[in-house]
Protein backbone atom coordinates (compact mmCIF):
# COMPACT_ATOMS: atom_id res chain seq x y z
CA MET A 1 -79.16 -107.97 -162.82
CA ASN A 2 -77.46 -110.56 -160.63
CA ILE A 3 -76.28 -109.16 -157.33
CA GLY A 4 -74.54 -110.18 -154.16
CA ILE A 5 -74.89 -108.71 -150.67
CA ILE A 6 -72.17 -108.77 -148.04
CA THR A 7 -72.70 -107.72 -144.43
CA ILE A 8 -69.47 -106.76 -142.71
CA SER A 9 -69.74 -106.89 -138.92
CA ASP A 10 -67.63 -108.44 -136.19
CA ARG A 11 -70.55 -108.74 -133.78
CA ALA A 12 -73.09 -110.11 -136.27
CA SER A 13 -70.55 -112.61 -137.61
CA ARG A 14 -70.03 -113.86 -134.02
CA GLY A 15 -73.79 -114.16 -133.51
CA GLU A 16 -73.92 -111.39 -130.88
CA TYR A 17 -76.75 -109.69 -132.74
CA ASP A 18 -78.88 -110.27 -135.81
CA ASP A 19 -77.75 -108.98 -139.18
CA LEU A 20 -80.24 -106.28 -140.13
CA GLY A 21 -78.23 -104.54 -142.87
CA GLY A 22 -78.11 -107.48 -145.27
CA PRO A 23 -81.86 -108.13 -145.12
CA ALA A 24 -82.58 -104.39 -145.59
CA LEU A 25 -80.43 -104.33 -148.73
CA LYS A 26 -82.02 -107.55 -150.00
CA GLU A 27 -85.47 -106.01 -149.63
CA ALA A 28 -84.32 -102.86 -151.45
CA ALA A 29 -82.68 -104.91 -154.22
CA GLN A 30 -85.81 -106.98 -154.73
CA GLY A 31 -87.78 -103.73 -154.95
CA TYR A 32 -85.51 -102.75 -157.86
CA LYS A 33 -86.23 -106.16 -159.45
CA TRP A 34 -82.62 -107.32 -159.03
CA ASN A 35 -81.81 -111.01 -158.60
CA VAL A 36 -79.98 -111.66 -155.32
CA ILE A 37 -77.75 -114.67 -156.05
CA ALA A 38 -75.37 -114.56 -153.08
CA GLU A 39 -75.35 -113.36 -149.48
CA SER A 40 -72.44 -113.34 -147.04
CA LEU A 41 -71.75 -112.27 -143.48
CA VAL A 42 -68.10 -111.63 -142.61
CA PRO A 43 -66.13 -109.97 -139.80
CA ASP A 44 -64.31 -106.66 -140.20
CA GLU A 45 -61.20 -108.32 -141.64
CA LYS A 46 -59.69 -107.24 -144.95
CA ARG A 47 -58.99 -110.75 -146.24
CA GLU A 48 -62.49 -111.99 -145.36
CA ILE A 49 -64.10 -109.02 -147.12
CA GLN A 50 -61.95 -109.56 -150.21
CA ARG A 51 -62.64 -113.31 -150.22
CA ALA A 52 -66.40 -112.73 -150.02
CA ILE A 53 -66.29 -110.26 -152.93
CA ARG A 54 -64.26 -112.64 -155.11
CA GLU A 55 -66.56 -115.56 -154.28
CA GLN A 56 -69.65 -113.59 -155.24
CA ILE A 57 -68.06 -112.47 -158.51
CA ALA A 58 -67.23 -116.12 -159.24
CA LYS A 59 -70.92 -116.95 -158.68
CA GLY A 60 -71.91 -114.38 -161.30
CA ALA A 61 -72.65 -111.24 -159.28
CA GLU A 62 -72.45 -108.22 -161.56
CA LEU A 63 -73.19 -105.87 -158.66
CA ILE A 64 -72.09 -106.39 -155.07
CA LEU A 65 -73.51 -104.32 -152.24
CA THR A 66 -71.67 -104.25 -148.93
CA THR A 67 -73.08 -102.92 -145.69
CA GLY A 68 -70.89 -102.02 -142.74
CA GLY A 69 -67.34 -101.02 -142.02
CA THR A 70 -67.48 -97.61 -143.72
CA GLY A 71 -67.28 -95.47 -140.58
CA VAL A 72 -64.31 -94.08 -138.68
CA ALA A 73 -63.85 -96.77 -136.00
CA LEU A 74 -60.50 -98.52 -136.01
CA ARG A 75 -62.14 -101.81 -137.07
CA ASP A 76 -63.92 -100.15 -140.02
CA VAL A 77 -61.72 -101.43 -142.86
CA THR A 78 -64.19 -102.00 -145.69
CA PRO A 79 -62.98 -99.15 -147.96
CA GLU A 80 -59.34 -100.17 -147.52
CA ALA A 81 -60.09 -103.84 -148.21
CA VAL A 82 -62.11 -103.06 -151.32
CA ARG A 83 -59.64 -100.54 -152.74
CA GLU A 84 -56.85 -103.15 -152.53
CA ILE A 85 -58.62 -105.38 -155.07
CA ALA A 86 -60.21 -102.67 -157.23
CA VAL A 87 -59.15 -101.87 -160.77
CA ARG A 88 -60.67 -98.39 -160.50
CA GLU A 89 -62.66 -96.22 -158.14
CA LEU A 90 -65.84 -94.37 -159.11
CA PRO A 91 -65.76 -91.36 -156.73
CA GLY A 92 -69.09 -89.89 -157.85
CA PHE A 93 -71.03 -92.61 -156.03
CA GLY A 94 -69.53 -91.80 -152.63
CA GLU A 95 -69.78 -88.08 -153.25
CA VAL A 96 -73.50 -88.27 -154.03
CA MET A 97 -74.23 -90.62 -151.13
CA ARG A 98 -72.53 -88.27 -148.66
CA MET A 99 -74.07 -85.13 -150.15
CA GLU A 100 -77.62 -86.51 -150.04
CA SER A 101 -77.11 -88.10 -146.61
CA MET A 102 -75.98 -84.74 -145.19
CA LYS A 103 -79.55 -83.58 -145.78
CA ILE A 104 -80.66 -86.26 -143.31
CA THR A 105 -77.86 -86.40 -140.70
CA LYS A 106 -74.84 -84.25 -139.93
CA ASN A 107 -72.84 -87.43 -139.21
CA ALA A 108 -72.95 -88.40 -142.90
CA ILE A 109 -69.71 -86.47 -143.31
CA LEU A 110 -68.02 -89.30 -141.39
CA SER A 111 -69.11 -91.96 -143.88
CA ARG A 112 -66.57 -93.47 -146.23
CA ASN A 113 -69.03 -94.92 -148.76
CA LEU A 114 -67.54 -95.68 -152.14
CA ALA A 115 -67.94 -97.60 -155.37
CA VAL A 116 -65.25 -99.47 -157.29
CA VAL A 117 -64.80 -101.89 -160.14
CA VAL A 118 -63.46 -105.32 -159.19
CA GLU A 119 -62.80 -107.44 -162.26
CA ARG A 120 -65.95 -106.63 -164.30
CA SER A 121 -68.32 -106.09 -161.37
CA LEU A 122 -69.47 -102.96 -159.59
CA VAL A 123 -68.95 -103.01 -155.82
CA ILE A 124 -70.76 -100.38 -153.75
CA CYS A 125 -69.86 -99.97 -150.07
CA LEU A 126 -72.79 -98.74 -148.01
CA PRO A 127 -73.25 -97.83 -144.34
CA GLY A 128 -73.94 -100.48 -141.71
CA LYS A 129 -77.13 -98.89 -140.43
CA PRO A 130 -79.97 -100.59 -142.34
CA SER A 131 -81.89 -97.41 -143.09
CA GLY A 132 -78.68 -95.62 -144.13
CA ALA A 133 -77.68 -98.46 -146.45
CA ALA A 134 -81.04 -98.46 -148.23
CA GLU A 135 -81.15 -94.65 -148.41
CA CYS A 136 -77.64 -94.40 -149.84
CA LEU A 137 -78.44 -97.05 -152.42
CA SER A 138 -81.54 -95.10 -153.45
CA PHE A 139 -79.42 -91.99 -154.07
CA VAL A 140 -77.29 -93.74 -156.72
CA VAL A 141 -79.62 -96.41 -158.10
CA GLY A 142 -80.20 -94.50 -161.34
CA ALA A 143 -76.57 -94.88 -162.45
CA ILE A 144 -76.16 -98.54 -161.54
CA PRO A 145 -77.79 -100.34 -164.52
CA HIS A 146 -75.79 -98.38 -167.11
CA CYS A 147 -72.55 -98.84 -165.17
CA VAL A 148 -73.08 -102.60 -164.93
CA GLU A 149 -73.94 -102.83 -168.65
CA VAL A 150 -70.72 -101.01 -169.56
CA LEU A 151 -68.67 -103.26 -167.26
CA GLN A 152 -70.32 -106.36 -168.76
CA GLU A 153 -69.62 -104.98 -172.27
CA VAL A 154 -73.28 -104.79 -173.22
CA PRO A 155 -73.69 -102.38 -176.16
CA THR A 156 -75.12 -99.07 -174.93
CA SER A 157 -76.14 -95.80 -176.54
CA CYS A 158 -73.01 -94.06 -175.25
């Protein structure tokens, strides 16, 4: 599966600190034997987030993982940016990520993780904390291959 990774962070995009979320997701993706074909680092700006998603889809990403911007801070706009370009939302992904994360931290209730379809690609918005991003991905990884196959119109058993 060809995937893209987008880190969304004002401070990392300005070089004020190293991006740790993107590399953590890349390591997780490689552990799942996925092919990382694109990586981006953008500020918490709707248009930049949307541009990065569209660029990665144009490069052939069937799955795009974002990290960052899913909290409650005023600059956390990832869910809003992604919903604006989505053709449909898949609420089960966010529900499972929050439910499983609540077993680890009470602050998981504040997370606005989600998954959507943009064009024919699956976009999953994960937390900015590297360990949280990898954990949340692990909670939903079982559903991802089938979802991507359906979106790519690969014949399935369903």
